N, C-alpha and C. Protein backbone atom coordinates (compact mmCIF):
# COMPACT_ATOMS: atom_id res chain seq x y z
N UNK A 1 25.60 24.95 -57.13
CA UNK A 1 25.76 26.39 -56.95
C UNK A 1 27.22 26.75 -57.20
N UNK A 2 27.41 27.81 -57.92
CA UNK A 2 28.77 28.22 -58.26
C UNK A 2 29.42 28.92 -57.08
N UNK A 3 30.73 28.75 -57.01
CA UNK A 3 31.46 29.46 -55.97
C UNK A 3 31.73 30.89 -56.43
N UNK A 4 32.17 31.72 -55.50
CA UNK A 4 32.44 33.12 -55.83
C UNK A 4 33.57 33.24 -56.83
N UNK A 5 34.58 32.38 -56.74
CA UNK A 5 35.71 32.44 -57.67
C UNK A 5 35.26 32.11 -59.08
N UNK A 6 34.37 31.13 -59.22
CA UNK A 6 33.87 30.78 -60.55
C UNK A 6 33.02 31.90 -61.12
N UNK A 7 32.21 32.52 -60.29
CA UNK A 7 31.36 33.62 -60.75
C UNK A 7 32.22 34.78 -61.23
N UNK A 8 33.25 35.11 -60.47
CA UNK A 8 34.14 36.21 -60.85
C UNK A 8 34.88 35.88 -62.13
N UNK A 9 35.34 34.64 -62.28
CA UNK A 9 36.08 34.27 -63.49
C UNK A 9 35.16 34.29 -64.71
N UNK A 10 33.90 33.89 -64.54
CA UNK A 10 32.96 33.93 -65.66
C UNK A 10 32.69 35.38 -66.06
N UNK A 11 32.54 36.27 -65.09
CA UNK A 11 32.30 37.68 -65.40
C UNK A 11 33.49 38.29 -66.12
N UNK A 12 34.72 37.97 -65.67
CA UNK A 12 35.90 38.50 -66.33
C UNK A 12 36.05 37.91 -67.73
N UNK A 13 35.66 36.66 -67.91
CA UNK A 13 35.69 36.05 -69.24
C UNK A 13 34.74 36.79 -70.17
N UNK A 14 33.53 37.12 -69.68
CA UNK A 14 32.56 37.84 -70.50
C UNK A 14 33.05 39.24 -70.84
N UNK A 15 33.68 39.90 -69.87
CA UNK A 15 34.23 41.24 -70.14
C UNK A 15 35.31 41.14 -71.20
N UNK A 16 36.20 40.17 -71.07
CA UNK A 16 37.25 39.99 -72.06
C UNK A 16 36.70 39.65 -73.43
N UNK A 17 35.67 38.82 -73.47
CA UNK A 17 35.04 38.46 -74.74
C UNK A 17 34.40 39.68 -75.39
N UNK A 18 33.73 40.51 -74.63
CA UNK A 18 33.12 41.72 -75.18
C UNK A 18 34.17 42.68 -75.70
N UNK A 19 35.29 42.80 -75.01
CA UNK A 19 36.37 43.66 -75.48
C UNK A 19 36.94 43.13 -76.79
N UNK A 20 37.12 41.81 -76.88
CA UNK A 20 37.62 41.20 -78.12
C UNK A 20 36.66 41.44 -79.28
N UNK A 21 35.37 41.31 -79.03
CA UNK A 21 34.38 41.55 -80.08
C UNK A 21 34.39 43.02 -80.50
N UNK A 22 34.49 43.91 -79.53
CA UNK A 22 34.56 45.34 -79.84
C UNK A 22 35.78 45.65 -80.69
N UNK A 23 36.92 45.09 -80.34
CA UNK A 23 38.13 45.32 -81.12
C UNK A 23 38.01 44.70 -82.51
N UNK A 24 37.43 43.51 -82.60
CA UNK A 24 37.28 42.85 -83.90
C UNK A 24 36.37 43.64 -84.82
N UNK A 25 35.40 44.33 -84.28
CA UNK A 25 34.50 45.15 -85.10
C UNK A 25 35.04 46.56 -85.31
N UNK A 26 35.70 47.10 -84.32
CA UNK A 26 36.13 48.49 -84.38
C UNK A 26 37.42 48.73 -85.15
N UNK A 27 38.38 47.81 -85.04
CA UNK A 27 39.65 48.02 -85.71
C UNK A 27 39.55 48.07 -87.23
N UNK A 28 38.79 47.19 -87.88
CA UNK A 28 38.67 47.33 -89.34
C UNK A 28 38.03 48.66 -89.76
N UNK A 29 37.05 49.10 -89.01
CA UNK A 29 36.41 50.38 -89.32
C UNK A 29 37.40 51.52 -89.15
N UNK A 30 38.17 51.49 -88.08
CA UNK A 30 39.18 52.52 -87.85
C UNK A 30 40.24 52.50 -88.94
N UNK A 31 40.70 51.31 -89.33
CA UNK A 31 41.70 51.21 -90.39
C UNK A 31 41.16 51.74 -91.72
N UNK A 32 39.93 51.42 -92.05
CA UNK A 32 39.35 51.96 -93.27
C UNK A 32 39.22 53.48 -93.22
N UNK A 33 38.82 53.99 -92.07
CA UNK A 33 38.65 55.43 -91.91
C UNK A 33 39.97 56.16 -92.05
N UNK A 34 41.05 55.58 -91.52
CA UNK A 34 42.36 56.24 -91.51
C UNK A 34 43.09 56.06 -92.83
N UNK A 35 42.99 54.89 -93.46
CA UNK A 35 43.86 54.59 -94.60
C UNK A 35 43.22 54.80 -95.96
N UNK A 36 41.91 54.69 -96.10
CA UNK A 36 41.28 54.75 -97.42
C UNK A 36 40.80 56.15 -97.72
N UNK A 37 41.16 56.64 -98.88
CA UNK A 37 40.72 57.96 -99.33
C UNK A 37 39.40 57.82 -100.08
N UNK A 38 38.35 58.52 -99.67
CA UNK A 38 37.06 58.38 -100.36
C UNK A 38 37.11 58.98 -101.76
N UNK A 39 36.27 58.44 -102.62
CA UNK A 39 36.18 58.93 -103.99
C UNK A 39 35.37 60.21 -104.01
N UNK A 40 35.92 61.25 -104.62
CA UNK A 40 35.22 62.53 -104.72
C UNK A 40 34.74 62.72 -106.15
N UNK A 41 33.46 63.00 -106.28
CA UNK A 41 32.87 63.18 -107.59
C UNK A 41 32.27 64.57 -107.66
N UNK A 42 32.50 65.23 -108.76
CA UNK A 42 31.92 66.55 -108.97
C UNK A 42 30.54 66.45 -109.57
N UNK A 43 29.97 67.56 -109.92
CA UNK A 43 28.67 67.56 -110.59
C UNK A 43 28.73 68.56 -111.74
N UNK A 44 27.84 68.35 -112.69
CA UNK A 44 27.76 69.22 -113.84
C UNK A 44 26.56 70.14 -113.69
N UNK A 45 26.73 71.38 -114.06
CA UNK A 45 25.65 72.36 -113.90
C UNK A 45 24.47 72.06 -114.82
N UNK A 46 24.70 71.36 -115.93
CA UNK A 46 23.59 71.04 -116.82
C UNK A 46 22.97 69.67 -116.53
N UNK A 47 23.21 69.15 -115.36
CA UNK A 47 22.64 67.87 -114.95
C UNK A 47 21.13 68.02 -114.77
N UNK A 48 20.36 67.13 -115.39
CA UNK A 48 18.90 67.22 -115.33
C UNK A 48 18.36 67.01 -113.92
N UNK A 49 19.00 66.18 -113.13
CA UNK A 49 18.48 65.91 -111.79
C UNK A 49 18.62 67.12 -110.87
N UNK A 50 19.50 68.05 -111.21
CA UNK A 50 19.65 69.27 -110.41
C UNK A 50 18.62 70.32 -110.77
N UNK A 51 17.95 70.14 -111.88
CA UNK A 51 16.99 71.15 -112.34
C UNK A 51 15.59 70.94 -111.77
N UNK A 52 15.35 69.84 -111.08
CA UNK A 52 14.03 69.60 -110.50
C UNK A 52 13.81 70.53 -109.31
N UNK A 53 12.58 70.94 -109.09
CA UNK A 53 12.31 71.82 -107.95
C UNK A 53 12.51 71.07 -106.63
N UNK A 54 12.81 71.84 -105.60
CA UNK A 54 13.01 71.27 -104.27
C UNK A 54 11.70 70.71 -103.74
N UNK A 55 11.75 69.47 -103.24
CA UNK A 55 10.57 68.86 -102.65
C UNK A 55 10.83 68.67 -101.17
N UNK A 56 9.94 69.18 -100.36
CA UNK A 56 10.10 69.08 -98.91
C UNK A 56 9.98 67.62 -98.48
N UNK A 57 10.34 67.36 -97.25
CA UNK A 57 10.32 66.01 -96.71
C UNK A 57 8.93 65.38 -96.85
N UNK A 58 8.89 64.12 -97.26
CA UNK A 58 7.61 63.44 -97.43
C UNK A 58 7.12 62.79 -96.15
N UNK A 59 8.03 62.53 -95.21
CA UNK A 59 7.67 61.96 -93.92
C UNK A 59 7.96 63.01 -92.85
N UNK A 60 6.96 63.39 -92.08
CA UNK A 60 7.20 64.39 -91.04
C UNK A 60 8.24 63.91 -90.02
N UNK A 61 9.02 64.84 -89.54
CA UNK A 61 10.11 64.51 -88.62
C UNK A 61 9.60 63.85 -87.34
N UNK A 62 8.43 64.23 -86.87
CA UNK A 62 7.92 63.67 -85.62
C UNK A 62 7.72 62.16 -85.74
N UNK A 63 7.30 61.68 -86.92
CA UNK A 63 7.13 60.24 -87.12
C UNK A 63 8.48 59.53 -87.11
N UNK A 64 9.48 60.16 -87.69
CA UNK A 64 10.82 59.58 -87.66
C UNK A 64 11.34 59.46 -86.24
N UNK A 65 11.11 60.48 -85.43
CA UNK A 65 11.55 60.45 -84.04
C UNK A 65 10.80 59.37 -83.25
N UNK A 66 9.50 59.31 -83.46
CA UNK A 66 8.69 58.32 -82.73
C UNK A 66 9.14 56.91 -83.07
N UNK A 67 9.29 56.62 -84.34
CA UNK A 67 9.69 55.28 -84.75
C UNK A 67 11.14 55.00 -84.34
N UNK A 68 12.02 55.93 -84.57
CA UNK A 68 13.43 55.72 -84.26
C UNK A 68 13.69 55.51 -82.78
N UNK A 69 13.17 56.40 -81.96
CA UNK A 69 13.38 56.27 -80.52
C UNK A 69 12.44 55.23 -79.91
N UNK A 70 11.22 55.17 -80.40
CA UNK A 70 10.23 54.26 -79.84
C UNK A 70 10.62 52.80 -79.99
N UNK A 71 11.04 52.39 -81.19
CA UNK A 71 11.45 51.00 -81.39
C UNK A 71 12.66 50.64 -80.55
N UNK A 72 13.59 51.56 -80.43
CA UNK A 72 14.76 51.29 -79.60
C UNK A 72 14.38 51.16 -78.13
N UNK A 73 13.52 52.03 -77.65
CA UNK A 73 13.10 51.95 -76.25
C UNK A 73 12.33 50.66 -75.97
N UNK A 74 11.48 50.26 -76.91
CA UNK A 74 10.75 49.01 -76.74
C UNK A 74 11.71 47.83 -76.70
N UNK A 75 12.66 47.81 -77.60
CA UNK A 75 13.62 46.70 -77.64
C UNK A 75 14.47 46.67 -76.38
N UNK A 76 14.94 47.83 -75.94
CA UNK A 76 15.80 47.89 -74.77
C UNK A 76 15.04 47.51 -73.51
N UNK A 77 13.79 47.86 -73.42
CA UNK A 77 13.02 47.53 -72.22
C UNK A 77 12.45 46.11 -72.27
N UNK A 78 12.11 45.62 -73.44
CA UNK A 78 11.47 44.31 -73.56
C UNK A 78 12.48 43.16 -73.45
N UNK A 79 13.58 43.26 -74.14
CA UNK A 79 14.52 42.14 -74.20
C UNK A 79 15.09 41.78 -72.84
N UNK A 80 15.61 42.72 -72.05
CA UNK A 80 16.13 42.31 -70.74
C UNK A 80 15.07 41.76 -69.80
N UNK A 81 13.84 42.24 -69.90
CA UNK A 81 12.81 41.76 -68.99
C UNK A 81 12.33 40.36 -69.35
N UNK A 82 12.53 39.93 -70.60
CA UNK A 82 12.08 38.63 -71.03
C UNK A 82 13.24 37.68 -71.35
N UNK A 83 14.43 38.06 -70.97
CA UNK A 83 15.59 37.24 -71.24
C UNK A 83 15.81 36.25 -70.10
N UNK A 84 16.19 35.03 -70.45
CA UNK A 84 16.46 34.02 -69.43
C UNK A 84 17.91 34.04 -68.96
N UNK A 85 18.75 34.80 -69.63
CA UNK A 85 20.17 34.88 -69.27
C UNK A 85 20.35 35.91 -68.15
N UNK A 86 21.02 35.51 -67.10
CA UNK A 86 21.32 36.43 -66.01
C UNK A 86 22.82 36.67 -65.95
N UNK A 87 23.16 37.87 -65.66
CA UNK A 87 24.59 38.23 -65.59
C UNK A 87 24.96 38.41 -64.14
């Protein structure tokens, strides 16, 4: 059985590790966002793809919401309940 000091040190190690991972993923994205200028492209009025009629959405929004939120809710509720790792 672990002592309280070991448990606390393991928790702080996990917190530090998560912060390091967050910084490792977030800093490159932030640097790209701040330093890189996106390429801007214009369009031509005689472009054939602009002459096609407007087509409404082929997938109803309600299905997108159900799948988008539903899969996330299932994953969030299923994984912790079936995980063997305890924090």
